[in-house]
Protein backbone atom coordinates (compact mmCIF):
# COMPACT_ATOMS: atom_id res chain seq x y z
CA MET A 1 -31.98 -14.76 7.28
CA PHE A 2 -28.21 -14.50 7.74
CA SER A 3 -26.47 -13.46 10.93
CA HIS A 4 -23.04 -13.02 9.38
CA VAL A 5 -20.69 -13.96 6.55
CA VAL A 6 -17.05 -14.97 7.06
CA VAL A 7 -14.32 -15.28 4.43
CA GLY A 8 -10.79 -16.53 4.93
CA SER A 9 -7.66 -14.56 4.14
CA ASN A 10 -3.96 -15.30 3.93
CA ASP A 11 -3.07 -11.58 4.21
CA LEU A 12 -5.24 -9.64 6.65
CA GLU A 13 -3.47 -6.35 5.95
CA LYS A 14 -4.22 -6.57 2.22
CA SER A 15 -7.78 -7.72 2.94
CA LYS A 16 -8.37 -4.83 5.35
CA ALA A 17 -7.30 -2.28 2.72
CA PHE A 18 -9.61 -3.93 0.16
CA TYR A 19 -12.67 -4.30 2.40
CA ASP A 20 -12.25 -0.89 4.05
CA ALA A 21 -12.43 0.61 0.53
CA VAL A 22 -15.40 -1.41 -0.75
CA PHE A 23 -17.43 -0.94 2.44
CA ALA A 24 -16.66 2.80 2.43
CA ALA A 25 -18.22 2.92 -1.06
CA LEU A 26 -21.39 1.46 0.54
CA GLY A 27 -21.37 3.97 3.42
CA GLY A 28 -19.77 1.64 5.98
CA GLY A 29 -16.87 2.28 8.31
CA PRO A 30 -13.47 0.61 8.48
CA GLY A 31 -13.12 -2.87 9.90
CA GLY A 32 -12.43 -3.45 13.56
CA ASP A 33 -9.26 -5.35 14.41
CA MET A 34 -9.87 -8.55 16.39
CA ASP A 35 -6.33 -10.05 16.33
CA ASP A 36 -6.63 -12.69 13.58
CA ARG A 37 -9.98 -11.28 12.35
CA ILE A 38 -11.39 -8.08 10.95
CA ALA A 39 -15.07 -7.31 11.65
CA TYR A 40 -17.36 -5.04 9.62
CA MET A 41 -20.85 -4.10 10.80
CA HIS A 42 -23.22 -2.13 8.56
CA ASN A 43 -26.98 -2.05 7.95
CA ASP A 44 -27.63 -4.78 10.54
CA GLY A 45 -25.16 -7.14 8.86
CA MET A 46 -21.82 -8.50 9.99
CA PHE A 47 -18.99 -9.47 7.66
CA LEU A 48 -15.75 -10.94 8.98
CA VAL A 49 -12.38 -11.66 7.40
CA THR A 50 -10.25 -14.19 9.25
CA LYS A 51 -7.17 -16.30 9.09
CA PRO A 52 -8.47 -19.89 9.10
CA ILE A 53 -8.83 -21.15 12.65
CA ASN A 54 -7.40 -24.55 11.70
CA GLY A 55 -4.10 -22.97 10.61
CA GLU A 56 -4.46 -24.17 7.00
CA PRO A 57 -4.24 -21.72 4.06
CA ALA A 58 -7.42 -19.80 3.18
CA THR A 59 -9.08 -20.80 -0.08
CA PHE A 60 -12.14 -19.46 -1.87
CA ALA A 61 -15.36 -21.29 -2.68
CA ASN A 62 -15.56 -22.52 -6.26
CA GLY A 63 -19.05 -21.55 -7.41
CA GLY A 64 -19.72 -19.39 -4.34
CA THR A 65 -20.63 -15.71 -4.47
CA ILE A 66 -21.24 -13.21 -1.68
CA GLY A 67 -23.73 -10.53 -2.72
CA PHE A 68 -24.02 -6.99 -1.37
CA THR A 69 -27.07 -4.78 -1.89
CA VAL A 70 -26.38 -1.34 -3.32
CA ASP A 71 -28.70 1.66 -3.45
CA SER A 72 -28.04 2.52 -7.10
CA PRO A 73 -26.01 1.49 -10.14
CA GLU A 74 -23.72 4.43 -9.37
CA GLN A 75 -23.01 3.10 -5.88
CA GLY A 76 -22.35 -0.34 -7.39
CA ALA A 77 -19.89 1.17 -9.86
CA ALA A 78 -18.13 3.03 -7.03
CA TRP A 79 -17.99 -0.21 -4.99
CA HIS A 80 -16.45 -2.06 -7.94
CA ALA A 81 -13.94 0.71 -8.67
CA ALA A 82 -12.89 0.87 -5.00
CA GLY A 83 -12.29 -2.87 -4.96
CA ILE A 84 -10.27 -2.92 -8.18
CA ALA A 85 -8.16 0.01 -6.94
CA ASN A 86 -7.41 -1.93 -3.73
CA GLY A 87 -6.27 -5.31 -5.01
CA GLY A 88 -9.48 -6.83 -6.36
CA THR A 89 -9.87 -8.27 -9.84
CA THR A 90 -12.87 -8.02 -12.09
CA CYS A 91 -14.64 -11.21 -13.09
CA GLU A 92 -17.78 -12.29 -14.96
CA ASP A 93 -19.22 -9.70 -17.35
CA PRO A 94 -18.38 -6.01 -16.88
CA PRO A 95 -20.54 -4.16 -14.34
CA GLY A 96 -23.89 -3.22 -15.78
CA MET A 97 -27.54 -4.03 -16.34
CA ARG A 98 -28.73 -7.60 -16.78
CA ASP A 99 -32.12 -8.41 -18.24
CA PHE A 100 -33.66 -11.69 -17.11
CA GLY A 101 -37.07 -11.20 -18.74
CA GLU A 102 -39.33 -9.55 -16.17
CA ALA A 103 -36.45 -9.13 -13.70
CA LYS A 104 -33.80 -6.50 -14.32
CA TYR A 105 -30.70 -6.09 -12.17
CA TYR A 106 -27.57 -3.99 -11.98
CA LEU A 107 -24.70 -6.41 -11.21
CA ALA A 108 -20.97 -5.85 -10.63
CA TYR A 109 -18.70 -8.83 -9.93
CA MET A 110 -15.13 -8.97 -8.65
CA ARG A 111 -12.81 -11.17 -6.64
CA ASP A 112 -11.17 -9.97 -3.44
CA PRO A 113 -7.37 -10.33 -2.98
CA ASP A 114 -7.85 -13.94 -1.76
CA GLY A 115 -10.10 -14.94 -4.68
CA ASN A 116 -13.53 -14.78 -2.97
CA LYS A 117 -16.18 -13.81 -5.56
CA LEU A 118 -18.27 -10.77 -4.59
CA CYS A 119 -21.24 -9.15 -6.29
CA ALA A 120 -22.94 -5.79 -5.91
CA MET A 121 -26.61 -5.96 -6.87
CA LYS A 122 -29.48 -3.50 -7.31
CA VAL A 123 -32.90 -4.82 -8.31
CA MET A 124 -34.16 -2.47 -11.00
CA GLY A 125 -37.57 -3.90 -11.78
């Protein structure tokens, strides 16, 4: 359904260190430098980090979350740990299983260095 996701950043160097680490935990490669943008391509998806084109400061979406599929709870935990070690901050409940009746998920939430809320998710049943 989606062709790509773009988030804004006020510090591309800090964002590159963060996203290189979290995408490496998912088996992806480092971001490609495109002047005022960094591009990540993995599993047929594209994720970009950019300085806002309008020249205004980057801000995060209040209520917005960008979700990434992980292969296992262990990969989700590694993703979360890589992000925290590279300037991210944990948010929501600690990483772990969530039971929504018949649906069970592993979820790990954090914010990137610019405040964008990210989630790693594995559907467990």
